[in-house]
């Protein structure tokens, strides 16, 4: 109840007095409750307190990290602006000197892209030559296999003809099939 009452009073003071109020309460169990005026943040209130009272709330490490975060945010914003300029957006406010610098940067980038394309083209041509050589080698092998197959085919045909001649000399009789039924030959 008391914590709720204190939070309620902090809200009332903020509204009635049009002041920046920030309240943080820790219970005996370690539970945290907080309130901050809608028009401010806890960090802003603490920074203002530190400046006004002269007491250091943050140690040097936290202050360094806070400054580093701010520096990185500014650097990120600057890079976002440069990226938009490189895309051709928001360039109406730039002076000619800045436009020349952007143009040079784009030309350097274009030269880098072209160099990469030439390198890629060289690799493709090298691969093409290697594939052509492999194709010639395989064509050569295939041609020799066809020749070998044709030779084998001729040898087989010649071998069968020789066998026919060999068998014909071994057969002393010529067989002629004669029907057993005489009425099959005679027409009546």
N, C-alpha and C. Protein backbone atom coordinates (compact mmCIF):
# COMPACT_ATOMS: atom_id res chain seq x y z
N UNK A 1 0.82 -1.20 0.00
CA UNK A 1 0.00 0.00 0.00
C UNK A 1 0.86 1.25 0.00
N UNK A 2 1.86 1.25 0.86
CA UNK A 2 2.69 2.46 0.97
C UNK A 2 3.44 2.74 -0.33
N UNK A 3 3.97 1.65 -0.93
CA UNK A 3 4.70 1.83 -2.20
C UNK A 3 3.75 2.40 -3.26
N UNK A 4 2.55 1.85 -3.34
CA UNK A 4 1.56 2.35 -4.30
C UNK A 4 1.22 3.81 -4.03
N UNK A 5 1.12 4.17 -2.77
CA UNK A 5 0.82 5.55 -2.40
C UNK A 5 1.94 6.49 -2.80
N UNK A 6 3.18 6.05 -2.60
CA UNK A 6 4.33 6.88 -2.98
C UNK A 6 4.37 7.08 -4.49
N UNK A 7 4.13 6.00 -5.25
CA UNK A 7 4.11 6.12 -6.72
C UNK A 7 3.00 7.06 -7.18
N UNK A 8 1.84 6.97 -6.51
CA UNK A 8 0.71 7.84 -6.85
C UNK A 8 1.06 9.31 -6.60
N UNK A 9 1.72 9.59 -5.46
CA UNK A 9 2.12 10.97 -5.14
C UNK A 9 3.15 11.48 -6.16
N UNK A 10 4.06 10.61 -6.61
CA UNK A 10 5.05 11.03 -7.61
C UNK A 10 4.35 11.44 -8.91
N UNK A 11 3.33 10.67 -9.31
CA UNK A 11 2.56 11.02 -10.52
C UNK A 11 1.84 12.34 -10.34
N UNK A 12 1.24 12.54 -9.15
CA UNK A 12 0.51 13.79 -8.90
C UNK A 12 1.44 14.99 -8.92
N UNK A 13 2.61 14.87 -8.30
CA UNK A 13 3.58 15.98 -8.29
C UNK A 13 4.00 16.31 -9.72
N UNK A 14 4.21 15.29 -10.52
CA UNK A 14 4.63 15.50 -11.90
C UNK A 14 3.58 16.29 -12.67
N UNK A 15 2.30 15.94 -12.49
CA UNK A 15 1.22 16.61 -13.22
C UNK A 15 0.93 17.99 -12.64
N UNK A 16 0.76 18.06 -11.31
CA UNK A 16 0.34 19.32 -10.69
C UNK A 16 1.43 20.40 -10.76
N UNK A 17 2.67 20.01 -10.59
CA UNK A 17 3.75 21.00 -10.54
C UNK A 17 4.47 21.14 -11.88
N UNK A 18 4.08 20.36 -12.88
CA UNK A 18 4.73 20.35 -14.18
C UNK A 18 6.25 20.21 -14.01
N UNK A 19 6.63 19.17 -13.26
CA UNK A 19 8.04 18.95 -12.97
C UNK A 19 8.46 17.57 -13.46
N UNK A 20 9.75 17.38 -13.56
CA UNK A 20 10.30 16.08 -13.96
C UNK A 20 10.55 15.28 -12.69
N UNK A 21 9.87 14.15 -12.59
CA UNK A 21 9.98 13.31 -11.40
C UNK A 21 10.39 11.92 -11.82
N UNK A 22 11.33 11.38 -11.06
CA UNK A 22 11.73 10.01 -11.28
C UNK A 22 11.85 9.36 -9.91
N UNK A 23 11.25 8.19 -9.77
CA UNK A 23 11.23 7.51 -8.47
C UNK A 23 11.57 6.04 -8.68
N UNK A 24 12.49 5.56 -7.88
CA UNK A 24 12.85 4.14 -7.90
C UNK A 24 12.76 3.65 -6.47
N UNK A 25 12.01 2.57 -6.25
CA UNK A 25 11.81 2.03 -4.91
C UNK A 25 12.18 0.55 -4.93
N UNK A 26 13.02 0.13 -3.96
CA UNK A 26 13.35 -1.28 -3.79
C UNK A 26 12.74 -1.76 -2.49
N UNK A 27 11.99 -2.84 -2.55
CA UNK A 27 11.40 -3.39 -1.33
C UNK A 27 12.45 -4.19 -0.57
N UNK A 28 12.09 -4.65 0.63
CA UNK A 28 13.04 -5.44 1.43
C UNK A 28 13.33 -6.79 0.78
N UNK A 29 12.43 -7.25 -0.10
CA UNK A 29 12.65 -8.52 -0.80
C UNK A 29 13.47 -8.33 -2.08
N UNK A 30 13.75 -7.08 -2.45
CA UNK A 30 14.55 -6.81 -3.63
C UNK A 30 13.73 -6.47 -4.86
N UNK A 31 12.40 -6.44 -4.74
CA UNK A 31 11.54 -6.09 -5.88
C UNK A 31 11.65 -4.59 -6.15
N UNK A 32 11.77 -4.25 -7.45
CA UNK A 32 11.94 -2.85 -7.84
C UNK A 32 10.63 -2.31 -8.40
N UNK A 33 10.32 -1.09 -8.02
CA UNK A 33 9.19 -0.34 -8.59
C UNK A 33 9.75 1.00 -9.02
N UNK A 34 9.23 1.51 -10.16
CA UNK A 34 9.77 2.77 -10.65
C UNK A 34 8.67 3.61 -11.30
N UNK A 35 8.93 4.90 -11.32
CA UNK A 35 8.06 5.83 -12.03
C UNK A 35 8.96 6.91 -12.61
N UNK A 36 8.63 7.35 -13.83
CA UNK A 36 9.36 8.45 -14.46
C UNK A 36 8.34 9.30 -15.21
N UNK A 37 8.46 10.61 -15.11
CA UNK A 37 7.55 11.51 -15.80
C UNK A 37 7.55 11.19 -17.30
N UNK A 38 6.38 11.34 -17.94
CA UNK A 38 6.30 11.00 -19.37
C UNK A 38 7.22 11.84 -20.26
N UNK A 39 7.58 13.02 -19.86
CA UNK A 39 8.37 13.92 -20.71
C UNK A 39 9.88 13.75 -20.50
N UNK A 40 10.32 12.77 -19.72
CA UNK A 40 11.75 12.60 -19.46
C UNK A 40 12.09 11.12 -19.30
N UNK A 41 13.36 10.87 -19.07
CA UNK A 41 13.81 9.50 -18.80
C UNK A 41 14.63 9.51 -17.52
N UNK A 42 14.83 8.35 -16.96
CA UNK A 42 15.59 8.23 -15.72
C UNK A 42 17.03 8.71 -15.93
N UNK A 43 17.61 8.37 -17.07
CA UNK A 43 18.99 8.77 -17.34
C UNK A 43 19.11 10.29 -17.40
N UNK A 44 18.14 10.95 -18.04
CA UNK A 44 18.18 12.41 -18.12
C UNK A 44 18.06 13.04 -16.73
N UNK A 45 17.19 12.49 -15.92
CA UNK A 45 17.01 13.02 -14.55
C UNK A 45 18.29 12.83 -13.75
N UNK A 46 18.91 11.66 -13.86
CA UNK A 46 20.14 11.39 -13.11
C UNK A 46 21.30 12.25 -13.61
N UNK A 47 21.40 12.46 -14.93
CA UNK A 47 22.43 13.34 -15.46
C UNK A 47 22.24 14.77 -14.96
N UNK A 48 21.01 15.21 -14.95
CA UNK A 48 20.71 16.57 -14.47
C UNK A 48 21.05 16.70 -12.99
N UNK A 49 20.75 15.67 -12.22
CA UNK A 49 21.08 15.65 -10.79
C UNK A 49 22.59 15.71 -10.60
N UNK A 50 23.31 14.94 -11.40
CA UNK A 50 24.77 14.89 -11.30
C UNK A 50 25.38 16.25 -11.61
N UNK A 51 24.86 16.91 -12.65
CA UNK A 51 25.39 18.22 -13.03
C UNK A 51 25.07 19.28 -11.96
N UNK A 52 23.86 19.22 -11.43
CA UNK A 52 23.42 20.23 -10.47
C UNK A 52 24.11 20.05 -9.12
N UNK A 53 24.18 18.82 -8.64
CA UNK A 53 24.74 18.57 -7.31
C UNK A 53 26.26 18.46 -7.32
N UNK A 54 26.83 18.11 -8.47
CA UNK A 54 28.27 17.95 -8.55
C UNK A 54 28.72 16.59 -8.05
N UNK A 55 27.80 15.72 -7.69
CA UNK A 55 28.15 14.38 -7.22
C UNK A 55 28.25 13.44 -8.42
N UNK A 56 29.24 12.56 -8.38
CA UNK A 56 29.44 11.60 -9.45
C UNK A 56 28.58 10.37 -9.18
N UNK A 57 27.59 10.15 -10.04
CA UNK A 57 26.77 8.94 -9.93
C UNK A 57 27.36 7.80 -10.74
N UNK A 58 28.05 8.16 -11.80
CA UNK A 58 28.64 7.16 -12.67
C UNK A 58 30.14 7.13 -12.45
N UNK A 59 30.71 5.95 -12.48
CA UNK A 59 32.17 5.89 -12.41
C UNK A 59 32.74 6.12 -13.82
N UNK A 60 34.03 6.20 -13.91
CA UNK A 60 34.69 6.53 -15.18
C UNK A 60 34.40 5.49 -16.25
N UNK A 61 34.31 4.24 -15.86
CA UNK A 61 34.06 3.17 -16.82
C UNK A 61 32.69 3.34 -17.49
N UNK A 62 31.67 3.62 -16.67
CA UNK A 62 30.33 3.82 -17.22
C UNK A 62 30.27 5.07 -18.09
N UNK A 63 30.97 6.09 -17.67
CA UNK A 63 30.98 7.33 -18.44
C UNK A 63 31.66 7.10 -19.79
N UNK A 64 32.77 6.36 -19.78
CA UNK A 64 33.47 6.04 -21.02
C UNK A 64 32.56 5.24 -21.96
N UNK A 65 31.87 4.24 -21.40
CA UNK A 65 30.97 3.42 -22.22
C UNK A 65 29.82 4.25 -22.77
N UNK A 66 29.30 5.14 -21.98
CA UNK A 66 28.22 6.01 -22.44
C UNK A 66 28.71 6.90 -23.59
N UNK A 67 29.91 7.47 -23.44
CA UNK A 67 30.48 8.30 -24.50
C UNK A 67 30.75 7.48 -25.76
N UNK A 68 31.21 6.25 -25.57
CA UNK A 68 31.50 5.37 -26.70
C UNK A 68 30.21 5.03 -27.46
N UNK A 69 29.14 4.78 -26.72
CA UNK A 69 27.84 4.50 -27.36
C UNK A 69 27.38 5.72 -28.15
N UNK A 70 27.53 6.89 -27.59
CA UNK A 70 27.13 8.11 -28.30
C UNK A 70 27.97 8.31 -29.56
N UNK A 71 29.28 8.06 -29.45
CA UNK A 71 30.17 8.21 -30.61
C UNK A 71 29.78 7.24 -31.72
N UNK A 72 29.48 5.99 -31.35
CA UNK A 72 29.10 4.98 -32.35
C UNK A 72 27.76 5.34 -32.99
N UNK A 73 26.83 5.87 -32.20
CA UNK A 73 25.54 6.29 -32.76
C UNK A 73 25.74 7.41 -33.79
N UNK A 74 26.60 8.38 -33.46
CA UNK A 74 26.86 9.47 -34.40
C UNK A 74 27.54 8.95 -35.66
N UNK A 75 28.49 8.05 -35.48
CA UNK A 75 29.18 7.47 -36.63
C UNK A 75 28.21 6.69 -37.51
N UNK A 76 27.29 5.96 -36.89
CA UNK A 76 26.29 5.21 -37.64
C UNK A 76 25.38 6.16 -38.42
N UNK A 77 24.95 7.23 -37.78
CA UNK A 77 24.11 8.22 -38.47
C UNK A 77 24.85 8.82 -39.66
N UNK A 78 26.13 9.14 -39.45
CA UNK A 78 26.95 9.70 -40.54
C UNK A 78 27.07 8.71 -41.69
N UNK A 79 27.29 7.46 -41.38
CA UNK A 79 27.40 6.44 -42.43
C UNK A 79 26.08 6.26 -43.17
N UNK A 80 24.97 6.34 -42.47
CA UNK A 80 23.65 6.24 -43.11
C UNK A 80 23.46 7.38 -44.11
N UNK A 81 23.88 8.58 -43.71
CA UNK A 81 23.76 9.74 -44.59
C UNK A 81 24.64 9.55 -45.82
N UNK A 82 25.90 9.09 -45.61
CA UNK A 82 26.81 8.86 -46.74
C UNK A 82 26.25 7.80 -47.68
N UNK A 83 25.66 6.77 -47.11
CA UNK A 83 25.08 5.71 -47.95
C UNK A 83 23.93 6.26 -48.79
N UNK A 84 23.08 7.09 -48.20
CA UNK A 84 22.00 7.70 -48.97
C UNK A 84 22.57 8.58 -50.08
N UNK A 85 23.64 9.30 -49.79
CA UNK A 85 24.26 10.15 -50.82
C UNK A 85 24.82 9.30 -51.95
N UNK A 86 25.44 8.18 -51.61
CA UNK A 86 25.98 7.29 -52.65
C UNK A 86 24.88 6.68 -53.51
N UNK A 87 23.71 6.52 -52.93
CA UNK A 87 22.57 6.01 -53.69
C UNK A 87 21.91 7.11 -54.52
N UNK A 88 22.37 8.34 -54.35
CA UNK A 88 21.80 9.45 -55.11
C UNK A 88 20.63 10.10 -54.40
N UNK A 89 20.42 9.79 -53.13
CA UNK A 89 19.32 10.37 -52.35
C UNK A 89 19.85 11.55 -51.52
N UNK A 90 19.02 12.53 -51.28
CA UNK A 90 19.35 13.68 -50.42
C UNK A 90 20.63 14.39 -50.84
N UNK A 91 20.85 14.58 -52.14
CA UNK A 91 22.08 15.25 -52.57
C UNK A 91 21.86 16.73 -52.93
N UNK A 92 20.62 17.19 -52.85
CA UNK A 92 20.34 18.58 -53.23
C UNK A 92 21.00 19.56 -52.27
N UNK A 93 21.21 19.16 -51.03
CA UNK A 93 21.80 20.08 -50.05
C UNK A 93 23.33 20.08 -50.08
N UNK A 94 23.94 19.24 -50.90
CA UNK A 94 25.40 19.14 -50.93
C UNK A 94 26.01 20.22 -51.81
N UNK A 95 27.20 20.66 -51.42
CA UNK A 95 27.91 21.64 -52.24
C UNK A 95 28.73 20.91 -53.29
N UNK A 96 29.24 21.62 -54.31
CA UNK A 96 29.98 20.96 -55.40
C UNK A 96 31.20 20.16 -54.93
N UNK A 97 31.90 20.64 -53.92
CA UNK A 97 33.07 19.93 -53.41
C UNK A 97 32.67 18.55 -52.87
N UNK A 98 31.57 18.50 -52.13
CA UNK A 98 31.08 17.23 -51.58
C UNK A 98 30.62 16.30 -52.71
N UNK A 99 29.98 16.87 -53.73
CA UNK A 99 29.53 16.06 -54.86
C UNK A 99 30.71 15.46 -55.62
N UNK A 100 31.80 16.23 -55.75
CA UNK A 100 32.99 15.72 -56.43
C UNK A 100 33.57 14.54 -55.65
N UNK A 101 33.60 14.67 -54.33
CA UNK A 101 34.12 13.57 -53.50
C UNK A 101 33.27 12.31 -53.65
N UNK A 102 31.97 12.49 -53.71
CA UNK A 102 31.07 11.34 -53.90
C UNK A 102 31.30 10.73 -55.28
N UNK A 103 31.44 11.59 -56.31
CA UNK A 103 31.68 11.10 -57.66
C UNK A 103 32.98 10.28 -57.72
N UNK A 104 34.03 10.78 -57.08
CA UNK A 104 35.31 10.06 -57.06
C UNK A 104 35.16 8.71 -56.36
N UNK A 105 34.43 8.71 -55.26
CA UNK A 105 34.19 7.46 -54.54
C UNK A 105 33.44 6.45 -55.40
N UNK A 106 32.45 6.93 -56.13
CA UNK A 106 31.69 6.04 -57.02
C UNK A 106 32.56 5.52 -58.16
N UNK A 107 33.43 6.39 -58.70
CA UNK A 107 34.33 5.95 -59.78
C UNK A 107 35.31 4.90 -59.27
N UNK A 108 35.83 5.11 -58.05
CA UNK A 108 36.72 4.10 -57.46
C UNK A 108 35.97 2.77 -57.29
N UNK A 109 34.75 2.85 -56.81
CA UNK A 109 33.94 1.64 -56.65
C UNK A 109 33.68 0.95 -57.97
N UNK A 110 33.37 1.74 -59.00
CA UNK A 110 33.12 1.19 -60.33
C UNK A 110 34.38 0.52 -60.88
N UNK A 111 35.54 1.15 -60.66
CA UNK A 111 36.80 0.55 -61.11
C UNK A 111 37.03 -0.79 -60.40
N UNK A 112 36.72 -0.84 -59.12
CA UNK A 112 36.87 -2.09 -58.37
C UNK A 112 35.94 -3.18 -58.90
N UNK A 113 34.71 -2.81 -59.22
CA UNK A 113 33.75 -3.78 -59.77
C UNK A 113 34.21 -4.28 -61.12
N UNK A 114 34.70 -3.39 -61.96
CA UNK A 114 35.19 -3.80 -63.29
C UNK A 114 36.40 -4.72 -63.16
N UNK A 115 37.30 -4.41 -62.24
CA UNK A 115 38.47 -5.27 -62.04
C UNK A 115 38.04 -6.66 -61.60
N UNK A 116 37.05 -6.72 -60.75
CA UNK A 116 36.54 -8.03 -60.29
C UNK A 116 35.89 -8.77 -61.45
N UNK A 117 35.18 -8.06 -62.32
CA UNK A 117 34.57 -8.69 -63.49
C UNK A 117 35.62 -9.24 -64.43
N UNK A 118 36.70 -8.49 -64.65
CA UNK A 118 37.78 -8.95 -65.52
C UNK A 118 38.42 -10.20 -64.92
N UNK A 119 38.64 -10.18 -63.64
CA UNK A 119 39.22 -11.35 -62.96
C UNK A 119 38.30 -12.57 -63.12
N UNK A 120 37.02 -12.35 -62.96
CA UNK A 120 36.05 -13.43 -63.10
C UNK A 120 36.03 -13.95 -64.53
N UNK A 121 36.13 -13.03 -65.50
CA UNK A 121 36.16 -13.42 -66.91
C UNK A 121 37.39 -14.26 -67.23
N UNK A 122 38.55 -13.89 -66.67
CA UNK A 122 39.76 -14.66 -66.87
C UNK A 122 39.60 -16.08 -66.33
N UNK A 123 38.98 -16.19 -65.18
CA UNK A 123 38.76 -17.52 -64.59
C UNK A 123 37.83 -18.34 -65.48
N UNK A 124 36.78 -17.70 -66.01
CA UNK A 124 35.86 -18.41 -66.90
C UNK A 124 36.57 -18.88 -68.17
N UNK A 125 37.42 -18.03 -68.75
CA UNK A 125 38.14 -18.43 -69.97
C UNK A 125 39.10 -19.57 -69.67
N UNK A 126 39.76 -19.51 -68.53
CA UNK A 126 40.67 -20.59 -68.14
C UNK A 126 39.90 -21.89 -68.00
N UNK A 127 38.74 -21.83 -67.36
CA UNK A 127 37.90 -23.02 -67.21
C UNK A 127 37.41 -23.51 -68.57
N UNK A 128 37.09 -22.58 -69.45
CA UNK A 128 36.63 -22.95 -70.79
C UNK A 128 37.73 -23.70 -71.54
N UNK A 129 38.96 -23.19 -71.47
CA UNK A 129 40.08 -23.87 -72.14
C UNK A 129 40.29 -25.26 -71.56
N UNK A 130 40.20 -25.37 -70.25
CA UNK A 130 40.38 -26.68 -69.60
C UNK A 130 39.29 -27.64 -70.06
N UNK A 131 38.06 -27.15 -70.17
CA UNK A 131 36.96 -28.01 -70.63
C UNK A 131 37.13 -28.41 -72.08
N UNK A 132 37.63 -27.48 -72.92
CA UNK A 132 37.87 -27.82 -74.32
C UNK A 132 38.94 -28.90 -74.44
N UNK A 133 40.01 -28.78 -73.64
CA UNK A 133 41.07 -29.78 -73.66
C UNK A 133 40.53 -31.14 -73.21
N UNK A 134 39.72 -31.13 -72.19
CA UNK A 134 39.12 -32.38 -71.70
C UNK A 134 38.20 -32.97 -72.76
N UNK A 135 37.46 -32.11 -73.46
CA UNK A 135 36.57 -32.58 -74.52
C UNK A 135 37.39 -33.21 -75.65
N UNK A 136 38.50 -32.58 -76.05
CA UNK A 136 39.36 -33.15 -77.10
C UNK A 136 39.90 -34.51 -76.67
N UNK A 137 40.33 -34.59 -75.40
CA UNK A 137 40.89 -35.86 -74.90
C UNK A 137 39.84 -36.96 -74.93
N UNK A 138 38.63 -36.63 -74.48
CA UNK A 138 37.56 -37.62 -74.46
C UNK A 138 37.13 -38.01 -75.88
N UNK A 139 37.12 -37.05 -76.81
CA UNK A 139 36.79 -37.34 -78.21
C UNK A 139 37.83 -38.29 -78.81
N UNK A 140 39.09 -38.03 -78.49
CA UNK A 140 40.17 -38.89 -78.96
C UNK A 140 39.98 -40.33 -78.44
N UNK A 141 39.71 -40.46 -77.16
CA UNK A 141 39.49 -41.78 -76.56
C UNK A 141 38.29 -42.46 -77.21
N UNK A 142 37.21 -41.72 -77.39
CA UNK A 142 35.99 -42.28 -78.00
C UNK A 142 36.26 -42.75 -79.43
N UNK A 143 37.01 -41.96 -80.18
CA UNK A 143 37.34 -42.32 -81.56
C UNK A 143 38.12 -43.65 -81.60
N UNK A 144 39.09 -43.77 -80.73
CA UNK A 144 39.89 -45.00 -80.70
C UNK A 144 39.06 -46.20 -80.22
N UNK A 145 38.11 -45.96 -79.36
CA UNK A 145 37.23 -47.05 -78.93
C UNK A 145 36.33 -47.49 -80.09
N UNK A 146 35.85 -46.56 -80.89
CA UNK A 146 35.04 -46.91 -82.06
C UNK A 146 35.86 -47.74 -83.06
N UNK A 147 37.10 -47.32 -83.27
CA UNK A 147 37.97 -48.08 -84.19
C UNK A 147 38.18 -49.49 -83.67
N UNK A 148 38.43 -49.62 -82.38
CA UNK A 148 38.65 -50.94 -81.78
C UNK A 148 37.39 -51.79 -81.89
N UNK A 149 36.24 -51.18 -81.70
CA UNK A 149 34.97 -51.93 -81.80
C UNK A 149 34.75 -52.40 -83.23
N UNK A 150 35.05 -51.54 -84.20
CA UNK A 150 34.89 -51.92 -85.61
C UNK A 150 35.81 -53.09 -85.95
N UNK A 151 37.04 -53.05 -85.46
CA UNK A 151 37.97 -54.15 -85.71
C UNK A 151 37.47 -55.44 -85.09
N UNK A 152 36.97 -55.36 -83.87
CA UNK A 152 36.43 -56.55 -83.20
C UNK A 152 35.25 -57.11 -83.97
N UNK A 153 34.43 -56.23 -84.50
CA UNK A 153 33.25 -56.65 -85.26
C UNK A 153 33.68 -57.40 -86.53
N UNK A 154 34.66 -56.85 -87.25
CA UNK A 154 35.16 -57.52 -88.45
C UNK A 154 35.78 -58.87 -88.13
N UNK A 155 36.53 -58.92 -87.03
CA UNK A 155 37.15 -60.19 -86.65
C UNK A 155 36.08 -61.23 -86.33
N UNK A 156 35.02 -60.79 -85.68
CA UNK A 156 33.95 -61.73 -85.32
C UNK A 156 33.26 -62.23 -86.58
N UNK A 157 32.98 -61.32 -87.51
CA UNK A 157 32.33 -61.73 -88.75
C UNK A 157 33.22 -62.70 -89.53
N UNK A 158 34.49 -62.39 -89.64
CA UNK A 158 35.43 -63.27 -90.33
C UNK A 158 35.54 -64.61 -89.62
N UNK A 159 35.50 -64.58 -88.32
CA UNK A 159 35.57 -65.83 -87.56
C UNK A 159 34.37 -66.70 -87.82
N UNK A 160 33.18 -66.15 -87.95
CA UNK A 160 31.97 -66.94 -88.21
C UNK A 160 32.02 -67.53 -89.62
N UNK A 161 32.48 -66.78 -90.58
CA UNK A 161 32.57 -67.30 -91.95
C UNK A 161 33.55 -68.45 -92.03
N UNK A 162 34.66 -68.33 -91.28
CA UNK A 162 35.63 -69.43 -91.27
C UNK A 162 35.00 -70.67 -90.68
N UNK A 163 34.23 -70.51 -89.67
CA UNK A 163 33.59 -71.66 -89.04
C UNK A 163 32.59 -72.32 -89.98
N UNK A 164 31.86 -71.49 -90.72
CA UNK A 164 30.90 -72.06 -91.69
C UNK A 164 31.64 -72.93 -92.70
N UNK A 165 32.76 -72.45 -93.18
CA UNK A 165 33.55 -73.23 -94.14
C UNK A 165 34.08 -74.50 -93.50
N UNK A 166 34.51 -74.38 -92.25
CA UNK A 166 35.03 -75.56 -91.56
C UNK A 166 33.93 -76.60 -91.39
N UNK A 167 32.76 -76.18 -91.01
CA UNK A 167 31.66 -77.12 -90.78
C UNK A 167 31.18 -77.73 -92.10
N UNK A 168 31.17 -76.97 -93.18
CA UNK A 168 30.69 -77.52 -94.46
C UNK A 168 31.63 -78.62 -94.96
N UNK A 169 32.91 -78.50 -94.67
CA UNK A 169 33.82 -79.58 -95.11
C UNK A 169 33.66 -80.82 -94.25
N UNK A 170 33.14 -80.66 -93.08
CA UNK A 170 32.96 -81.82 -92.20
C UNK A 170 31.66 -82.54 -92.47
N UNK A 171 30.71 -81.93 -93.14
CA UNK A 171 29.42 -82.56 -93.40
C UNK A 171 29.46 -83.27 -94.76
N UNK A 172 29.41 -84.58 -94.76
CA UNK A 172 29.51 -85.31 -96.02
C UNK A 172 28.19 -85.35 -96.78
N UNK A 173 27.11 -85.21 -96.13
CA UNK A 173 25.80 -85.37 -96.78
C UNK A 173 25.07 -84.06 -96.78
N UNK A 174 24.23 -83.95 -97.78
CA UNK A 174 23.31 -82.83 -97.80
C UNK A 174 21.95 -83.40 -97.48
N UNK A 175 21.29 -82.84 -96.56
CA UNK A 175 19.99 -83.34 -96.15
C UNK A 175 18.91 -82.62 -96.91
N UNK A 176 17.91 -83.36 -97.27
CA UNK A 176 16.75 -82.79 -97.92
C UNK A 176 15.55 -83.39 -97.23
N UNK A 177 14.67 -82.59 -96.77
CA UNK A 177 13.51 -83.08 -96.04
C UNK A 177 12.49 -83.61 -97.03
N UNK A 178 12.06 -84.83 -96.81
CA UNK A 178 11.08 -85.49 -97.66
C UNK A 178 9.83 -85.72 -96.84
N UNK A 179 8.66 -85.44 -97.40
CA UNK A 179 7.44 -85.70 -96.63
C UNK A 179 7.18 -87.19 -96.55
N UNK A 180 6.62 -87.59 -95.46
CA UNK A 180 6.33 -89.01 -95.23
C UNK A 180 4.99 -89.40 -95.80
N UNK A 181 4.17 -88.48 -96.00
CA UNK A 181 2.84 -88.79 -96.51
C UNK A 181 2.83 -88.55 -98.02
N UNK A 182 2.58 -89.57 -98.81
CA UNK A 182 2.59 -89.40 -100.25
C UNK A 182 1.46 -88.54 -100.77
N UNK A 183 0.32 -88.52 -100.06
CA UNK A 183 -0.80 -87.73 -100.54
C UNK A 183 -0.59 -86.23 -100.43
N UNK A 184 0.42 -85.81 -99.73
CA UNK A 184 0.69 -84.40 -99.62
C UNK A 184 1.29 -83.86 -100.92
N UNK A 185 2.01 -84.74 -101.68
CA UNK A 185 2.63 -84.31 -102.90
C UNK A 185 1.71 -84.40 -104.11
N UNK A 186 0.81 -85.25 -104.03
CA UNK A 186 -0.03 -85.50 -105.20
C UNK A 186 -1.29 -84.72 -105.11
N UNK A 187 -1.63 -84.13 -106.25
CA UNK A 187 -2.89 -83.42 -106.30
C UNK A 187 -3.90 -84.31 -106.98
N UNK A 188 -4.99 -84.47 -106.41
CA UNK A 188 -6.02 -85.33 -107.00
C UNK A 188 -7.21 -84.55 -107.36
